Amino acid sequence: MNIKKQLKIVATTLIMLLLLASVTYAYGLEGKLVFTPESVYYEGNTVVIYGYWLNETNKYIPYTNYVNMDVYSYNGSNWNLIARGQFTQPSYINLSPGESKYWTYRIHNCQIASLYRWWVQTEVNYHWQNVN
C-alpha cells in the first residue's frame, strides 16, 4: 500500500473520531432529566413511587410529555416486575437547569410483593426551552 493511501486512511479515521467526540461532547452539554426514587410503598393495591426530578440539562423544562415507570421487587434470586405505569398527561414540573423537584406517582391495581428490595426503571420524554 502506498503512503498516499495510508495517509488518506489515517486522515479519514481521525476525522471520524473527531466527529464522534464532538457528538459525545454535545450530548454531555445537553444532559438529561433524571428521576431518583427515594421510596416505594403500597397504599392498598396501589404502588406509590416518591422521588425527585433533577434537570441535568442546560435547558428550561416546563413539562414532561410522558413518563414510563417499571417497578421491580427482588425475591431473593430474581428481579420481578410488579408494576408498570405510563403517565401521559403533561406533568408541569417547571425545572430550570440544575433545579430539582419532588414528585409522587401512583400505579393502581398492582400485585402485592415484598418491597424490602425494590428498583424503579424510568423512561421520560420532556419538552424543553432554551434559557434566555
C-alpha atoms as a PDB file:
ATOM      1  CA  MET A   1       0.000   0.000   0.000  1.00  0.00           C
ATOM      2  CA  ASN A   2       1.454   3.385  -0.920  1.00  0.00           C
ATOM      3  CA  ILE A   3       1.944   6.277   1.510  1.00  0.00           C
ATOM      4  CA  LYS A   4      -0.807   8.483  -0.013  1.00  0.00           C
ATOM      5  CA  LYS A   5      -3.393   5.749   0.545  1.00  0.00           C
ATOM      6  CA  GLN A   6      -2.224   5.242   4.119  1.00  0.00           C
ATOM      7  CA  LEU A   7      -2.412   8.989   4.796  1.00  0.00           C
ATOM      8  CA  LYS A   8      -5.960   9.118   3.422  1.00  0.00           C
ATOM      9  CA  ILE A   9      -6.993   6.231   5.693  1.00  0.00           C
ATOM     10  CA  VAL A  10      -5.389   7.854   8.747  1.00  0.00           C
ATOM     11  CA  ALA A  11      -6.940  11.262   7.934  1.00  0.00           C
ATOM     12  CA  THR A  12     -10.389   9.729   7.417  1.00  0.00           C
ATOM     13  CA  THR A  13     -10.113   7.812  10.684  1.00  0.00           C
ATOM     14  CA  LEU A  14      -9.075  10.957  12.574  1.00  0.00           C
ATOM     15  CA  ILE A  15     -11.960  12.947  11.088  1.00  0.00           C
ATOM     16  CA  MET A  16     -14.447  10.215  12.094  1.00  0.00           C
ATOM     17  CA  LEU A  17     -13.044  10.125  15.643  1.00  0.00           C
ATOM     18  CA  LEU A  18     -13.266  13.914  15.867  1.00  0.00           C
ATOM     19  CA  LEU A  19     -16.904  13.848  14.738  1.00  0.00           C
ATOM     20  CA  LEU A  20     -17.730  11.115  17.236  1.00  0.00           C
ATOM     21  CA  ALA A  21     -16.027  13.049  20.042  1.00  0.00           C
ATOM     22  CA  SER A  22     -17.895  16.264  19.176  1.00  0.00           C
ATOM     23  CA  VAL A  23     -21.274  14.477  19.198  1.00  0.00           C
ATOM     24  CA  THR A  24     -20.431  12.898  22.558  1.00  0.00           C
ATOM     25  CA  TYR A  25     -19.340  16.285  23.934  1.00  0.00           C
ATOM     26  CA  ALA A  26     -22.527  17.986  22.675  1.00  0.00           C
ATOM     27  CA  TYR A  27     -24.675  15.304  24.310  1.00  0.00           C
ATOM     28  CA  GLY A  28     -22.804  15.839  27.561  1.00  0.00           C
ATOM     29  CA  LEU A  29     -23.649  19.547  27.436  1.00  0.00           C
ATOM     30  CA  GLU A  30     -27.318  18.784  26.785  1.00  0.00           C
ATOM     31  CA  GLY A  31     -27.583  16.420  29.760  1.00  0.00           C
ATOM     32  CA  LYS A  32     -30.846  14.767  30.701  1.00  0.00           C
ATOM     33  CA  LEU A  33     -33.819  14.833  33.023  1.00  0.00           C
ATOM     34  CA  VAL A  34     -33.356  12.239  35.783  1.00  0.00           C
ATOM     35  CA  PHE A  35     -35.851  10.775  38.270  1.00  0.00           C
ATOM     36  CA  THR A  36     -34.393   9.404  41.520  1.00  0.00           C
ATOM     37  CA  PRO A  37     -36.885   7.355  43.557  1.00  0.00           C
ATOM     38  CA  GLU A  38     -36.468   7.648  47.316  1.00  0.00           C
ATOM     39  CA  SER A  39     -39.262   5.348  48.471  1.00  0.00           C
ATOM     40  CA  VAL A  40     -41.645   2.786  47.039  1.00  0.00           C
ATOM     41  CA  TYR A  41     -44.560   1.524  49.117  1.00  0.00           C
ATOM     42  CA  TYR A  42     -48.133   0.247  48.937  1.00  0.00           C
ATOM     43  CA  GLU A  43     -51.404   2.020  49.643  1.00  0.00           C
ATOM     44  CA  GLY A  44     -53.771  -0.940  49.338  1.00  0.00           C
ATOM     45  CA  ASN A  45     -53.016  -2.444  45.925  1.00  0.00           C
ATOM     46  CA  THR A  46     -51.553   0.832  44.639  1.00  0.00           C
ATOM     47  CA  VAL A  47     -47.782   1.200  44.335  1.00  0.00           C
ATOM     48  CA  VAL A  48     -46.611   4.674  45.309  1.00  0.00           C
ATOM     49  CA  ILE A  49     -43.278   5.944  43.980  1.00  0.00           C
ATOM     50  CA  TYR A  50     -41.882   9.031  45.702  1.00  0.00           C
ATOM     51  CA  GLY A  51     -38.739  10.739  44.487  1.00  0.00           C
ATOM     52  CA  TYR A  52     -37.344  13.777  42.779  1.00  0.00           C
ATOM     53  CA  TRP A  53     -36.680  15.029  39.276  1.00  0.00           C
ATOM     54  CA  LEU A  54     -33.318  16.663  38.584  1.00  0.00           C
ATOM     55  CA  ASN A  55     -32.786  18.784  35.497  1.00  0.00           C
ATOM     56  CA  GLU A  56     -29.225  17.958  34.419  1.00  0.00           C
ATOM     57  CA  THR A  57     -29.652  19.838  31.134  1.00  0.00           C
ATOM     58  CA  ASN A  58     -28.753  23.384  30.226  1.00  0.00           C
ATOM     59  CA  LYS A  59     -32.392  23.955  29.139  1.00  0.00           C
ATOM     60  CA  TYR A  60     -35.580  25.004  30.945  1.00  0.00           C
ATOM     61  CA  ILE A  61     -38.040  22.086  31.216  1.00  0.00           C
ATOM     62  CA  PRO A  62     -41.688  23.213  31.558  1.00  0.00           C
ATOM     63  CA  TYR A  63     -43.290  19.740  31.430  1.00  0.00           C
ATOM     64  CA  THR A  64     -42.911  16.062  30.610  1.00  0.00           C
ATOM     65  CA  ASN A  65     -44.673  14.624  27.578  1.00  0.00           C
ATOM     66  CA  TYR A  66     -44.784  11.153  29.121  1.00  0.00           C
ATOM     67  CA  VAL A  67     -43.179   9.126  31.893  1.00  0.00           C
ATOM     68  CA  ASN A  68     -42.952   5.318  31.898  1.00  0.00           C
ATOM     69  CA  MET A  69     -42.096   3.522  35.134  1.00  0.00           C
ATOM     70  CA  ASP A  70     -41.444  -0.144  35.831  1.00  0.00           C
ATOM     71  CA  VAL A  71     -41.230  -1.202  39.482  1.00  0.00           C
ATOM     72  CA  TYR A  72     -39.323  -4.375  40.341  1.00  0.00           C
ATOM     73  CA  SER A  73     -39.136  -6.388  43.553  1.00  0.00           C
ATOM     74  CA  TYR A  74     -36.274  -8.734  44.424  1.00  0.00           C
ATOM     75  CA  ASN A  75     -37.451 -12.180  45.555  1.00  0.00           C
ATOM     76  CA  GLY A  76     -34.044 -13.446  46.710  1.00  0.00           C
ATOM     77  CA  SER A  77     -32.845 -14.662  43.329  1.00  0.00           C
ATOM     78  CA  ASN A  78     -34.577 -12.571  40.626  1.00  0.00           C
ATOM     79  CA  TRP A  79     -35.988  -9.124  39.979  1.00  0.00           C
ATOM     80  CA  ASN A  80     -39.738  -9.438  39.250  1.00  0.00           C
ATOM     81  CA  LEU A  81     -41.808  -6.748  37.563  1.00  0.00           C
ATOM     82  CA  ILE A  82     -44.653  -5.895  39.965  1.00  0.00           C
ATOM     83  CA  ALA A  83     -45.992  -2.659  38.479  1.00  0.00           C
ATOM     84  CA  ARG A  84     -45.887  -0.816  35.184  1.00  0.00           C
ATOM     85  CA  GLY A  85     -47.203   2.702  34.793  1.00  0.00           C
ATOM     86  CA  GLN A  86     -47.420   5.158  31.949  1.00  0.00           C
ATOM     87  CA  PHE A  87     -48.172   8.781  32.743  1.00  0.00           C
ATOM     88  CA  THR A  88     -49.128  10.612  29.556  1.00  0.00           C
ATOM     89  CA  GLN A  89     -50.813  13.785  30.733  1.00  0.00           C
ATOM     90  CA  PRO A  90     -48.255  16.577  30.831  1.00  0.00           C
ATOM     91  CA  SER A  91     -46.745  16.974  34.287  1.00  0.00           C
ATOM     92  CA  TYR A  92     -45.825  20.607  34.738  1.00  0.00           C
ATOM     93  CA  ILE A  93     -42.643  20.220  36.709  1.00  0.00           C
ATOM     94  CA  ASN A  94     -41.118  23.584  35.658  1.00  0.00           C
ATOM     95  CA  LEU A  95     -37.416  22.934  36.203  1.00  0.00           C
ATOM     96  CA  SER A  96     -34.621  25.349  35.428  1.00  0.00           C
ATOM     97  CA  PRO A  97     -31.135  23.964  34.706  1.00  0.00           C
ATOM     98  CA  GLY A  98     -29.766  22.257  37.829  1.00  0.00           C
ATOM     99  CA  GLU A  99     -33.083  22.505  39.702  1.00  0.00           C
ATOM    100  CA  SER A 100     -34.885  19.563  41.329  1.00  0.00           C
ATOM    101  CA  LYS A 101     -38.467  18.922  42.468  1.00  0.00           C
ATOM    102  CA  TYR A 102     -40.104  16.115  44.444  1.00  0.00           C
ATOM    103  CA  TRP A 103     -42.902  14.185  42.756  1.00  0.00           C
ATOM    104  CA  THR A 104     -45.210  11.275  43.585  1.00  0.00           C
ATOM    105  CA  TYR A 105     -46.523   8.680  41.125  1.00  0.00           C
ATOM    106  CA  ARG A 106     -49.221   6.067  41.773  1.00  0.00           C
ATOM    107  CA  ILE A 107     -49.729   2.841  39.833  1.00  0.00           C
ATOM    108  CA  HIS A 108     -53.093   1.237  40.604  1.00  0.00           C
ATOM    109  CA  ASN A 109     -54.198  -2.431  40.738  1.00  0.00           C
ATOM    110  CA  CYS A 110     -50.764  -3.939  41.311  1.00  0.00           C
ATOM    111  CA  GLN A 111     -49.792  -7.355  42.547  1.00  0.00           C
ATOM    112  CA  ILE A 112     -48.624  -7.389  46.147  1.00  0.00           C
ATOM    113  CA  ALA A 113     -44.976  -8.347  46.637  1.00  0.00           C
ATOM    114  CA  SER A 114     -42.298  -7.644  49.167  1.00  0.00           C
ATOM    115  CA  LEU A 115     -40.785  -4.199  48.798  1.00  0.00           C
ATOM    116  CA  TYR A 116     -37.825  -4.965  51.025  1.00  0.00           C
ATOM    117  CA  ARG A 117     -35.610  -4.519  47.921  1.00  0.00           C
ATOM    118  CA  TRP A 118     -37.061  -2.573  45.020  1.00  0.00           C
ATOM    119  CA  TRP A 119     -35.849  -0.955  41.812  1.00  0.00           C
ATOM    120  CA  VAL A 120     -37.588   1.591  39.571  1.00  0.00           C
ATOM    121  CA  GLN A 121     -36.716   1.915  35.900  1.00  0.00           C
ATOM    122  CA  THR A 122     -37.824   5.247  34.410  1.00  0.00           C
ATOM    123  CA  GLU A 123     -38.147   6.490  30.840  1.00  0.00           C
ATOM    124  CA  VAL A 124     -39.088  10.115  30.239  1.00  0.00           C
ATOM    125  CA  ASN A 125     -39.812  12.306  27.238  1.00  0.00           C
ATOM    126  CA  TYR A 126     -39.875  16.008  28.011  1.00  0.00           C
ATOM    127  CA  HIS A 127     -40.363  19.393  26.435  1.00  0.00           C
ATOM    128  CA  TRP A 128     -37.541  21.916  26.787  1.00  0.00           C
ATOM    129  CA  GLN A 129     -36.874  25.552  26.025  1.00  0.00           C
ATOM    130  CA  ASN A 130     -33.636  27.480  25.663  1.00  0.00           C
ATOM    131  CA  VAL A 131     -32.729  29.551  28.687  1.00  0.00           C
ATOM    132  CA  ASN A 132     -32.549  33.252  27.853  1.00  0.00           C
END
